[in-house]
PDB file of N, CA and C in Angstrom:
ATOM      1  N   MET A   1      19.973  59.962  10.128  1.00  0.00           N
ATOM      2  CA  MET A   1      20.980  58.964  10.402  1.00  0.00           C
ATOM      3  C   MET A   1      20.819  58.364  11.782  1.00  0.00           C
ATOM      4  N   GLY A   2      19.861  58.818  12.532  1.00  0.00           N
ATOM      5  CA  GLY A   2      19.706  58.348  13.902  1.00  0.00           C
ATOM      6  C   GLY A   2      19.071  56.982  14.023  1.00  0.00           C
ATOM      7  N   SER A   3      18.269  56.570  13.046  1.00  0.00           N
ATOM      8  CA  SER A   3      17.584  55.278  13.189  1.00  0.00           C
ATOM      9  C   SER A   3      18.147  54.269  12.197  1.00  0.00           C
ATOM     10  N   PHE A   4      17.955  53.030  12.548  1.00  0.00           N
ATOM     11  CA  PHE A   4      18.417  51.941  11.685  1.00  0.00           C
ATOM     12  C   PHE A   4      17.308  51.531  10.732  1.00  0.00           C
ATOM     13  N   SER A   5      17.703  51.084   9.555  1.00  0.00           N
ATOM     14  CA  SER A   5      16.721  50.576   8.601  1.00  0.00           C
ATOM     15  C   SER A   5      16.441  49.108   8.909  1.00  0.00           C
ATOM     16  N   ILE A   6      15.509  48.530   8.197  1.00  0.00           N
ATOM     17  CA  ILE A   6      15.146  47.125   8.406  1.00  0.00           C
ATOM     18  C   ILE A   6      16.326  46.207   8.113  1.00  0.00           C
ATOM     19  N   TRP A   7      17.157  46.574   7.141  1.00  0.00           N
ATOM     20  CA  TRP A   7      18.317  45.741   6.793  1.00  0.00           C
ATOM     21  C   TRP A   7      19.334  45.708   7.921  1.00  0.00           C
ATOM     22  N   HIS A   8      19.505  46.825   8.602  1.00  0.00           N
ATOM     23  CA  HIS A   8      20.432  46.836   9.740  1.00  0.00           C
ATOM     24  C   HIS A   8      19.930  45.892  10.833  1.00  0.00           C
ATOM     25  N   TRP A   9      18.629  45.938  11.116  1.00  0.00           N
ATOM     26  CA  TRP A   9      18.067  45.080  12.152  1.00  0.00           C
ATOM     27  C   TRP A   9      18.146  43.607  11.750  1.00  0.00           C
ATOM     28  N   LEU A  10      17.956  43.296  10.482  1.00  0.00           N
ATOM     29  CA  LEU A  10      18.059  41.905  10.031  1.00  0.00           C
ATOM     30  C   LEU A  10      19.484  41.372  10.163  1.00  0.00           C
ATOM     31  N   ILE A  11      20.448  42.199   9.852  1.00  0.00           N
ATOM     32  CA  ILE A  11      21.854  41.783   9.992  1.00  0.00           C
ATOM     33  C   ILE A  11      22.197  41.576  11.451  1.00  0.00           C
ATOM     34  N   VAL A  12      21.770  42.489  12.308  1.00  0.00           N
ATOM     35  CA  VAL A  12      22.028  42.356  13.746  1.00  0.00           C
ATOM     36  C   VAL A  12      21.362  41.087  14.270  1.00  0.00           C
ATOM     37  N   LEU A  13      20.139  40.816  13.860  1.00  0.00           N
ATOM     38  CA  LEU A  13      19.436  39.611  14.288  1.00  0.00           C
ATOM     39  C   LEU A  13      20.159  38.350  13.820  1.00  0.00           C
ATOM     40  N   ALA A  14      20.649  38.340  12.595  1.00  0.00           N
ATOM     41  CA  ALA A  14      21.384  37.184  12.072  1.00  0.00           C
ATOM     42  C   ALA A  14      22.659  36.943  12.871  1.00  0.00           C
ATOM     43  N   VAL A  15      23.374  38.007  13.209  1.00  0.00           N
ATOM     44  CA  VAL A  15      24.603  37.863  14.000  1.00  0.00           C
ATOM     45  C   VAL A  15      24.277  37.321  15.387  1.00  0.00           C
ATOM     46  N   ILE A  16      23.218  37.813  15.996  1.00  0.00           N
ATOM     47  CA  ILE A  16      22.823  37.334  17.325  1.00  0.00           C
ATOM     48  C   ILE A  16      22.439  35.861  17.275  1.00  0.00           C
ATOM     49  N   LEU A  17      21.692  35.478  16.233  1.00  0.00           N
ATOM     50  CA  LEU A  17      21.313  34.073  16.096  1.00  0.00           C
ATOM     51  C   LEU A  17      22.533  33.170  15.935  1.00  0.00           C
ATOM     52  N   LEU A  18      23.504  33.627  15.167  1.00  0.00           N
ATOM     53  CA  LEU A  18      24.712  32.818  14.983  1.00  0.00           C
ATOM     54  C   LEU A  18      25.517  32.720  16.270  1.00  0.00           C
ATOM     55  N   LEU A  19      25.568  33.804  17.034  1.00  0.00           N
ATOM     56  CA  LEU A  19      26.341  33.790  18.276  1.00  0.00           C
ATOM     57  C   LEU A  19      25.686  32.921  19.342  1.00  0.00           C
ATOM     58  N   PHE A  20      24.394  33.076  19.545  1.00  0.00           N
ATOM     59  CA  PHE A  20      23.720  32.372  20.628  1.00  0.00           C
ATOM     60  C   PHE A  20      23.115  31.048  20.191  1.00  0.00           C
ATOM     61  N   GLY A  21      22.774  30.924  18.943  1.00  0.00           N
ATOM     62  CA  GLY A  21      22.166  29.690  18.466  1.00  0.00           C
ATOM     63  C   GLY A  21      23.182  28.708  17.932  1.00  0.00           C
ATOM     64  N   GLY A  22      24.345  29.171  17.604  1.00  0.00           N
ATOM     65  CA  GLY A  22      25.354  28.305  17.032  1.00  0.00           C
ATOM     66  C   GLY A  22      25.174  28.181  15.533  1.00  0.00           C
ATOM     67  N   ALA A  23      26.258  28.029  14.830  1.00  0.00           N
ATOM     68  CA  ALA A  23      26.216  27.969  13.371  1.00  0.00           C
ATOM     69  C   ALA A  23      25.601  26.666  12.878  1.00  0.00           C
ATOM     70  N   GLY A  24      25.603  25.614  13.703  1.00  0.00           N
ATOM     71  CA  GLY A  24      25.074  24.317  13.275  1.00  0.00           C
ATOM     72  C   GLY A  24      23.566  24.225  13.323  1.00  0.00           C
ATOM     73  N   LYS A  25      22.917  25.125  14.063  1.00  0.00           N
ATOM     74  CA  LYS A  25      21.473  25.020  14.217  1.00  0.00           C
ATOM     75  C   LYS A  25      20.717  25.461  12.972  1.00  0.00           C
ATOM     76  N   ILE A  26      21.230  26.420  12.246  1.00  0.00           N
ATOM     77  CA  ILE A  26      20.529  26.912  11.059  1.00  0.00           C
ATOM     78  C   ILE A  26      20.483  25.842   9.965  1.00  0.00           C
ATOM     79  N   PRO A  27      21.600  25.194   9.618  1.00  0.00           N
ATOM     80  CA  PRO A  27      21.504  24.117   8.617  1.00  0.00           C
ATOM     81  C   PRO A  27      20.624  22.952   9.092  1.00  0.00           C
ATOM     82  N   ARG A  28      20.676  22.651  10.370  1.00  0.00           N
ATOM     83  CA  ARG A  28      19.846  21.578  10.913  1.00  0.00           C
ATOM     84  C   ARG A  28      18.358  21.940  10.792  1.00  0.00           C
ATOM     85  N   LEU A  29      18.038  23.192  11.055  1.00  0.00           N
ATOM     86  CA  LEU A  29      16.661  23.654  10.928  1.00  0.00           C
ATOM     87  C   LEU A  29      16.190  23.568   9.482  1.00  0.00           C
ATOM     88  N   MET A  30      17.037  23.976   8.549  1.00  0.00           N
ATOM     89  CA  MET A  30      16.673  23.912   7.136  1.00  0.00           C
ATOM     90  C   MET A  30      16.527  22.459   6.668  1.00  0.00           C
ATOM     91  N   ARG A  31      17.394  21.565   7.161  1.00  0.00           N
ATOM     92  CA  ARG A  31      17.307  20.154   6.796  1.00  0.00           C
ATOM     93  C   ARG A  31      16.005  19.553   7.312  1.00  0.00           C
ATOM     94  N   ASP A  32      15.636  19.880   8.551  1.00  0.00           N
ATOM     95  CA  ASP A  32      14.385  19.383   9.112  1.00  0.00           C
ATOM     96  C   ASP A  32      13.182  19.899   8.324  1.00  0.00           C
ATOM     97  N   MET A  33      13.246  21.151   7.896  1.00  0.00           N
ATOM     98  CA  MET A  33      12.156  21.710   7.107  1.00  0.00           C
ATOM     99  C   MET A  33      12.044  20.979   5.770  1.00  0.00           C
ATOM    100  N   GLY A  34      13.179  20.703   5.141  1.00  0.00           N
ATOM    101  CA  GLY A  34      13.184  19.981   3.869  1.00  0.00           C
ATOM    102  C   GLY A  34      12.642  18.567   4.017  1.00  0.00           C
ATOM    103  N   GLN A  35      12.995  17.896   5.102  1.00  0.00           N
ATOM    104  CA  GLN A  35      12.484  16.550   5.334  1.00  0.00           C
ATOM    105  C   GLN A  35      10.979  16.569   5.564  1.00  0.00           C
ATOM    106  N   GLY A  36      10.499  17.599   6.233  1.00  0.00           N
ATOM    107  CA  GLY A  36       9.060  17.726   6.449  1.00  0.00           C
ATOM    108  C   GLY A  36       8.316  17.935   5.145  1.00  0.00           C
ATOM    109  N   ILE A  37       8.871  18.758   4.270  1.00  0.00           N
ATOM    110  CA  ILE A  37       8.242  18.994   2.965  1.00  0.00           C
ATOM    111  C   ILE A  37       8.236  17.712   2.137  1.00  0.00           C
ATOM    112  N   ASN A  38       9.348  16.975   2.164  1.00  0.00           N
ATOM    113  CA  ASN A  38       9.412  15.715   1.413  1.00  0.00           C
ATOM    114  C   ASN A  38       8.409  14.700   1.952  1.00  0.00           C
ATOM    115  N   ALA A  39       8.260  14.628   3.269  1.00  0.00           N
ATOM    116  CA  ALA A  39       7.291  13.702   3.859  1.00  0.00           C
ATOM    117  C   ALA A  39       5.870  14.095   3.469  1.00  0.00           C
ATOM    118  N   PHE A  40       5.600  15.386   3.416  1.00  0.00           N
ATOM    119  CA  PHE A  40       4.278  15.862   3.014  1.00  0.00           C
ATOM    120  C   PHE A  40       3.982  15.471   1.565  1.00  0.00           C
ATOM    121  N   LYS A  41       4.965  15.682   0.673  1.00  0.00           N
ATOM    122  CA  LYS A  41       4.779  15.322  -0.729  1.00  0.00           C
ATOM    123  C   LYS A  41       4.583  13.822  -0.892  1.00  0.00           C
ATOM    124  N   LYS A  42       5.341  13.019  -0.138  1.00  0.00           N
ATOM    125  CA  LYS A  42       5.214  11.565  -0.203  1.00  0.00           C
ATOM    126  C   LYS A  42       3.827  11.138   0.263  1.00  0.00           C
ATOM    127  N   GLY A  43       3.323  11.779   1.302  1.00  0.00           N
ATOM    128  CA  GLY A  43       1.983  11.476   1.782  1.00  0.00           C
ATOM    129  C   GLY A  43       0.916  11.794   0.750  1.00  0.00           C
ATOM    130  N   LEU A  44       1.098  12.899   0.037  1.00  0.00           N
ATOM    131  CA  LEU A  44       0.135  13.246  -1.009  1.00  0.00           C
ATOM    132  C   LEU A  44       0.157  12.221  -2.136  1.00  0.00           C
ATOM    133  N   LYS A  45       1.351  11.755  -2.508  1.00  0.00           N
ATOM    134  CA  LYS A  45       1.452  10.755  -3.574  1.00  0.00           C
ATOM    135  C   LYS A  45       0.798   9.443  -3.156  1.00  0.00           C
ATOM    136  N   GLU A  46       1.023   9.023  -1.905  1.00  0.00           N
ATOM    137  CA  GLU A  46       0.434   7.777  -1.438  1.00  0.00           C
ATOM    138  C   GLU A  46      -1.079   7.890  -1.354  1.00  0.00           C
ATOM    139  N   GLU A  47      -1.587   9.039  -0.961  1.00  0.00           N
ATOM    140  CA  GLU A  47      -3.028   9.247  -0.898  1.00  0.00           C
ATOM    141  C   GLU A  47      -3.637   9.170  -2.288  1.00  0.00           C
ATOM    142  N   GLY A  48      -2.928   9.728  -3.269  1.00  0.00           N
ATOM    143  CA  GLY A  48      -3.404   9.673  -4.652  1.00  0.00           C
ATOM    144  C   GLY A  48      -3.429   8.256  -5.180  1.00  0.00           C
ATOM    145  N   LYS A  49      -2.446   7.445  -4.791  1.00  0.00           N
ATOM    146  CA  LYS A  49      -2.405   6.048  -5.236  1.00  0.00           C
ATOM    147  C   LYS A  49      -3.552   5.257  -4.620  1.00  0.00           C
ATOM    148  N   ASP A  50      -3.888   5.551  -3.351  1.00  0.00           N
ATOM    149  CA  ASP A  50      -4.973   4.836  -2.687  1.00  0.00           C
ATOM    150  C   ASP A  50      -6.308   5.113  -3.365  1.00  0.00           C
ATOM    151  N   LYS A  51      -6.494   6.314  -3.858  1.00  0.00           N
ATOM    152  CA  LYS A  51      -7.747   6.677  -4.500  1.00  0.00           C
ATOM    153  C   LYS A  51      -7.779   6.279  -5.961  1.00  0.00           C
ATOM    154  N   GLY A  52      -6.648   5.863  -6.511  1.00  0.00           N
ATOM    155  CA  GLY A  52      -6.599   5.470  -7.904  1.00  0.00           C
ATOM    156  C   GLY A  52      -6.452   6.646  -8.847  1.00  0.00           C
ATOM    157  N   GLU A  53      -5.992   7.766  -8.349  1.00  0.00           N
ATOM    158  CA  GLU A  53      -5.812   8.935  -9.205  1.00  0.00           C
ATOM    159  C   GLU A  53      -4.665   8.702 -10.176  1.00  0.00           C
ATOM    160  N   GLY A  54      -4.771   9.273 -11.340  1.00  0.00           N
ATOM    161  CA  GLY A  54      -3.698   9.188 -12.309  1.00  0.00           C
ATOM    162  C   GLY A  54      -3.902   8.085 -13.323  1.00  0.00           C
ATOM    163  N   ASP A  55      -4.590   7.019 -12.937  1.00  0.00           N
ATOM    164  CA  ASP A  55      -4.848   5.917 -13.861  1.00  0.00           C
ATOM    165  C   ASP A  55      -6.352   5.664 -13.896  1.00  0.00           C
ATOM    166  N   PRO A  56      -7.036   6.056 -14.967  1.00  0.00           N
ATOM    167  CA  PRO A  56      -8.489   5.921 -15.017  1.00  0.00           C
ATOM    168  C   PRO A  56      -8.964   4.475 -14.908  1.00  0.00           C
ATOM    169  N   ASP A  57      -8.170   3.526 -15.422  1.00  0.00           N
ATOM    170  CA  ASP A  57      -8.570   2.122 -15.345  1.00  0.00           C
ATOM    171  C   ASP A  57      -8.631   1.649 -13.896  1.00  0.00           C
ATOM    172  N   LYS A  58      -7.679   2.077 -13.089  1.00  0.00           N
ATOM    173  CA  LYS A  58      -7.679   1.697 -11.678  1.00  0.00           C
ATOM    174  C   LYS A  58      -8.848   2.340 -10.954  1.00  0.00           C
ATOM    175  N   ALA A  59      -9.179   3.561 -11.304  1.00  0.00           N
ATOM    176  CA  ALA A  59     -10.303   4.242 -10.673  1.00  0.00           C
ATOM    177  C   ALA A  59     -11.604   3.534 -11.005  1.00  0.00           C
ATOM    178  N   ILE A  60     -11.763   3.117 -12.253  1.00  0.00           N
ATOM    179  CA  ILE A  60     -12.970   2.400 -12.664  1.00  0.00           C
ATOM    180  C   ILE A  60     -13.044   1.057 -11.946  1.00  0.00           C
ATOM    181  N   GLU A  61     -11.924   0.367 -11.867  1.00  0.00           N
ATOM    182  CA  GLU A  61     -11.879  -0.926 -11.188  1.00  0.00           C
ATOM    183  C   GLU A  61     -12.196  -0.773  -9.700  1.00  0.00           C
ATOM    184  N   ALA A  62     -11.679   0.267  -9.077  1.00  0.00           N
ATOM    185  CA  ALA A  62     -11.949   0.509  -7.663  1.00  0.00           C
ATOM    186  C   ALA A  62     -13.435   0.787  -7.447  1.00  0.00           C
ATOM    187  N   ASP A  63     -14.057   1.542  -8.338  1.00  0.00           N
ATOM    188  CA  ASP A  63     -15.494   1.806  -8.241  1.00  0.00           C
ATOM    189  C   ASP A  63     -16.299   0.518  -8.417  1.00  0.00           C
ATOM    190  N   ARG A  64     -15.868  -0.324  -9.346  1.00  0.00           N
ATOM    191  CA  ARG A  64     -16.561  -1.579  -9.604  1.00  0.00           C
ATOM    192  C   ARG A  64     -16.471  -2.508  -8.390  1.00  0.00           C
ATOM    193  N   VAL A  65     -15.292  -2.584  -7.758  1.00  0.00           N
ATOM    194  CA  VAL A  65     -15.116  -3.432  -6.576  1.00  0.00           C
ATOM    195  C   VAL A  65     -15.963  -2.897  -5.426  1.00  0.00           C
ATOM    196  N   ALA A  66     -15.995  -1.592  -5.262  1.00  0.00           N
ATOM    197  CA  ALA A  66     -16.788  -0.996  -4.190  1.00  0.00           C
ATOM    198  C   ALA A  66     -18.272  -1.271  -4.405  1.00  0.00           C
ATOM    199  N   ALA A  67     -18.746  -1.176  -5.637  1.00  0.00           N
ATOM    200  CA  ALA A  67     -20.151  -1.433  -5.931  1.00  0.00           C
ATOM    201  C   ALA A  67     -20.489  -2.903  -5.688  1.00  0.00           C
ATOM    202  N   THR A  68     -19.594  -3.808  -6.047  1.00  0.00           N
ATOM    203  CA  THR A  68     -19.813  -5.230  -5.825  1.00  0.00           C
ATOM    204  C   THR A  68     -19.878  -5.536  -4.337  1.00  0.00           C
ATOM    205  N   GLN A  69     -18.985  -4.946  -3.562  1.00  0.00           N
ATOM    206  CA  GLN A  69     -18.991  -5.173  -2.112  1.00  0.00           C
ATOM    207  C   GLN A  69     -20.262  -4.619  -1.489  1.00  0.00           C
ATOM    208  N   LYS A  70     -20.739  -3.501  -1.988  1.00  0.00           N
ATOM    209  CA  LYS A  70     -21.966  -2.896  -1.469  1.00  0.00           C
ATOM    210  C   LYS A  70     -23.161  -3.789  -1.785  1.00  0.00           C
ATOM    211  N   ASP A  71     -23.195  -4.331  -3.012  1.00  0.00           N
ATOM    212  CA  ASP A  71     -24.277  -5.236  -3.402  1.00  0.00           C
ATOM    213  C   ASP A  71     -24.262  -6.512  -2.560  1.00  0.00           C
ATOM    214  N   ASN A  72     -23.081  -7.047  -2.309  1.00  0.00           N
ATOM    215  CA  ASN A  72     -22.953  -8.263  -1.497  1.00  0.00           C
ATOM    216  C   ASN A  72     -23.400  -8.011  -0.061  1.00  0.00           C
ATOM    217  N   ALA A  73     -23.106  -6.827   0.453  1.00  0.00           N
ATOM    218  CA  ALA A  73     -23.489  -6.500   1.819  1.00  0.00           C
ATOM    219  C   ALA A  73     -24.992  -6.299   1.934  1.00  0.00           C
ATOM    220  N   ALA A  74     -25.629  -5.820   0.875  1.00  0.00           N
ATOM    221  CA  ALA A  74     -27.065  -5.561   0.879  1.00  0.00           C
ATOM    222  C   ALA A  74     -27.863  -6.858   0.809  1.00  0.00           C
ATOM    223  N   SER A  75     -27.294  -7.918   0.219  1.00  0.00           N
ATOM    224  CA  SER A  75     -28.048  -9.144   0.068  1.00  0.00           C
ATOM    225  C   SER A  75     -27.951 -10.076   1.246  1.00  0.00           C
TER     226      SER A  75
END
């Protein structure tokens, strides 16, 4: 009974964070994390659109335009 378990230390840490960090900082931190995740997902979607992923016709058209530009530059 002399030592504390991990759960005791986690509860003590949570109480200390609430006392010194304020109750408003934890929701703000979680909101910022959520916004970061959403921005990351949005960036992945935009990158996929730029490459023409998801629509094979757009990918073929993008390859055709790139090949035409390469041929024009070579001549």
